[in-house]
Amino acid sequence: MSILEAKIARLDGTASTLGEITGGRPALLVNVASKCGLTPQYAGLEELHEQHASHGFTVVGLPCNQFRGQEPGTAEEIAEFCSATYGVTFPMTEKIDVNGEDRHEIYQALVDTPNESGESGDITWNFEKFLIDGTGRVLARFSPGVEPGDPRLAAAVQAQLT
């Protein structure tokens, strides 16, 4: 099964699949949180999305509350925070687990990919990033500290644009 076939609800609760959310375009999948020291990365993620959406690319936010409870809000609260604080327009999903027994199937497919330091396995923190192509193939993993504007991430995204 392709990662794009994985069932996941949108933030508003609408049933969907990752493929429907990405529209079959290359995407940057990011586990996000509203109360984290890295939360300001939302601004860079939105900029990346706006800059490349017309070229067949999207960012997808996947809220997760597994790291020190830094995404405690309801779907409505998450949506309001992201919109009001960072002007987020990229698609967001329901809150999911990225590690442990209840790890979402999307992350089951992602965690074996090594990051820029060669490390794979469990998600280490909020704002870990995975670049997938339009077929759902995982192309790259970037650790949480890699900013959305980092030249390595920008080059990987650029290589996927149509």
Protein backbone atom coordinates (compact mmCIF):
# COMPACT_ATOMS: atom_id res chain seq x y z
CA MET A 1 0.00 0.00 0.00
CA SER A 2 1.21 3.50 -0.84
CA ILE A 3 1.50 6.03 1.98
CA LEU A 4 -0.93 8.15 -0.06
CA GLU A 5 -3.68 5.57 0.56
CA ALA A 6 -3.41 6.02 4.33
CA LYS A 7 -6.70 7.18 5.82
CA ILE A 8 -6.45 10.36 7.85
CA ALA A 9 -9.03 12.99 8.66
CA ARG A 10 -8.51 16.63 7.86
CA LEU A 11 -8.31 19.02 10.82
CA ASP A 12 -12.03 19.80 10.39
CA GLY A 13 -12.82 16.09 10.85
CA THR A 14 -13.56 15.34 7.19
CA ALA A 15 -12.50 11.78 6.30
CA SER A 16 -9.72 11.72 3.75
CA THR A 17 -6.50 10.06 2.66
CA LEU A 18 -3.02 11.50 2.53
CA GLY A 19 -3.23 11.36 -1.28
CA GLU A 20 -6.42 13.44 -1.30
CA ILE A 21 -4.82 15.96 1.04
CA THR A 22 -1.63 16.28 -1.01
CA GLY A 23 -3.50 16.12 -4.31
CA GLY A 24 -0.87 13.67 -5.53
CA ARG A 25 1.72 16.44 -5.43
CA PRO A 26 5.11 16.40 -3.75
CA ALA A 27 4.68 17.42 -0.12
CA LEU A 28 6.54 18.23 3.05
CA LEU A 29 4.93 16.34 5.95
CA VAL A 30 5.56 17.98 9.32
CA ASN A 31 4.44 16.94 12.81
CA VAL A 32 3.43 20.27 14.29
CA ALA A 33 2.64 21.70 17.72
CA SER A 34 1.31 25.08 18.85
CA LYS A 35 3.15 25.45 22.17
CA CYS A 36 6.70 24.46 21.24
CA GLY A 37 9.88 26.49 21.02
CA LEU A 38 9.93 25.53 17.32
CA THR A 39 6.36 26.73 16.70
CA PRO A 40 7.62 29.86 14.88
CA GLN A 41 8.59 27.46 12.07
CA TYR A 42 4.92 27.72 11.06
CA ALA A 43 5.82 31.05 9.42
CA GLY A 44 8.55 29.47 7.29
CA LEU A 45 6.36 26.49 6.43
CA GLU A 46 3.60 28.81 5.25
CA GLU A 47 6.10 30.80 3.20
CA LEU A 48 7.40 27.58 1.63
CA HIS A 49 3.84 26.51 0.84
CA GLU A 50 2.86 29.87 -0.67
CA GLN A 51 6.06 30.07 -2.69
CA HIS A 52 5.66 26.65 -4.30
CA ALA A 53 1.93 25.77 -4.29
CA SER A 54 1.49 27.01 -7.86
CA HIS A 55 4.38 24.76 -8.90
CA GLY A 56 2.72 21.57 -7.67
CA PHE A 57 3.91 21.40 -4.04
CA THR A 58 2.24 21.51 -0.64
CA VAL A 59 3.11 21.44 3.04
CA VAL A 60 0.95 19.22 5.27
CA GLY A 61 0.78 19.81 9.01
CA LEU A 62 0.11 16.77 11.20
CA PRO A 63 -0.58 17.95 14.76
CA CYS A 64 0.84 15.76 17.51
CA ASN A 65 0.63 16.08 21.30
CA GLN A 66 3.23 13.44 22.18
CA PHE A 67 6.09 15.79 23.05
CA ARG A 68 5.54 17.35 26.48
CA GLY A 69 1.87 18.00 25.67
CA GLN A 70 2.76 20.88 23.34
CA GLU A 71 -0.33 20.44 21.14
CA PRO A 72 -3.11 20.24 23.77
CA GLY A 73 -5.84 22.08 21.86
CA THR A 74 -8.93 20.89 20.08
CA ALA A 75 -9.03 20.86 16.30
CA GLU A 76 -10.86 24.21 16.38
CA GLU A 77 -8.26 25.73 18.70
CA ILE A 78 -5.40 24.45 16.53
CA ALA A 79 -7.03 25.85 13.38
CA GLU A 80 -7.67 29.24 15.01
CA PHE A 81 -4.13 29.50 16.40
CA CYS A 82 -2.48 28.57 13.10
CA SER A 83 -4.65 30.90 11.08
CA ALA A 84 -4.60 33.89 13.42
CA THR A 85 -0.96 33.67 14.50
CA TYR A 86 0.82 32.46 11.35
CA GLY A 87 -1.73 32.82 8.54
CA VAL A 88 -1.48 29.10 7.80
CA THR A 89 -3.26 28.09 4.60
CA PHE A 90 -1.60 24.72 3.98
CA PRO A 91 -3.63 21.59 4.79
CA MET A 92 -3.68 20.26 8.32
CA THR A 93 -4.81 16.85 9.55
CA GLU A 94 -6.39 15.54 12.69
CA LYS A 95 -4.14 15.19 15.72
CA ILE A 96 -2.21 11.90 15.54
CA ASP A 97 0.47 9.89 17.31
CA VAL A 98 3.83 9.69 15.53
CA ASN A 99 5.49 7.26 17.96
CA GLY A 100 4.48 4.31 20.12
CA GLU A 101 1.79 1.67 19.88
CA ASP A 102 -0.73 4.07 18.35
CA ARG A 103 1.68 5.49 15.77
CA HIS A 104 -0.35 6.50 12.72
CA GLU A 105 0.24 4.36 9.62
CA ILE A 106 1.69 7.37 7.80
CA TYR A 107 4.50 7.53 10.35
CA GLN A 108 4.92 3.75 10.22
CA ALA A 109 6.04 4.36 6.64
CA LEU A 110 8.21 7.37 7.46
CA VAL A 111 10.34 6.45 10.47
CA ASP A 112 12.73 4.12 8.64
CA THR A 113 13.99 7.03 6.54
CA PRO A 114 17.29 8.45 7.85
CA ASN A 115 17.64 12.18 8.43
CA GLU A 116 20.47 14.41 7.24
CA SER A 117 22.72 12.91 9.96
CA GLY A 118 21.90 9.33 8.94
CA GLU A 119 19.62 8.67 11.93
CA SER A 120 16.31 6.86 11.50
CA GLY A 121 13.72 5.55 13.94
CA ASP A 122 11.25 7.28 16.21
CA ILE A 123 10.32 10.90 15.66
CA THR A 124 12.55 12.91 18.00
CA TRP A 125 10.51 16.09 18.49
CA ASN A 126 7.95 18.44 17.00
CA PHE A 127 8.59 19.82 13.50
CA GLU A 128 10.41 16.81 12.08
CA LYS A 129 10.00 17.03 8.30
CA PHE A 130 9.60 14.41 5.56
CA LEU A 131 9.66 15.20 1.86
CA ILE A 132 7.60 12.85 -0.31
CA ASP A 133 7.15 12.84 -4.06
CA GLY A 134 3.80 12.76 -5.86
CA THR A 135 3.68 8.96 -5.66
CA GLY A 136 4.24 8.96 -1.89
CA ARG A 137 7.86 7.82 -2.03
CA VAL A 138 9.82 9.24 0.92
CA LEU A 139 12.72 11.29 -0.45
CA ALA A 140 14.25 12.96 2.60
CA ARG A 141 13.94 13.45 6.35
CA PHE A 142 14.96 16.63 8.14
CA SER A 143 15.40 16.92 11.90
CA PRO A 144 13.29 19.40 13.87
CA GLY A 145 16.05 22.03 14.03
CA VAL A 146 16.25 22.27 10.23
CA GLU A 147 14.32 25.45 9.43
CA PRO A 148 11.91 25.52 6.47
CA GLY A 149 14.25 27.97 4.70
CA ASP A 150 17.38 25.83 5.18
CA PRO A 151 19.27 25.55 1.85
CA ARG A 152 19.31 21.72 2.05
CA LEU A 153 15.56 21.54 2.49
CA ALA A 154 14.98 24.24 -0.15
CA ALA A 155 17.10 22.36 -2.68
CA ALA A 156 15.28 19.08 -2.02
CA VAL A 157 11.90 20.80 -2.50
CA GLN A 158 13.09 22.64 -5.60
CA ALA A 159 14.12 19.34 -7.20
CA GLN A 160 10.49 18.16 -6.96
CA LEU A 161 8.79 21.16 -8.53
CA THR A 162 7.04 20.91 -11.88
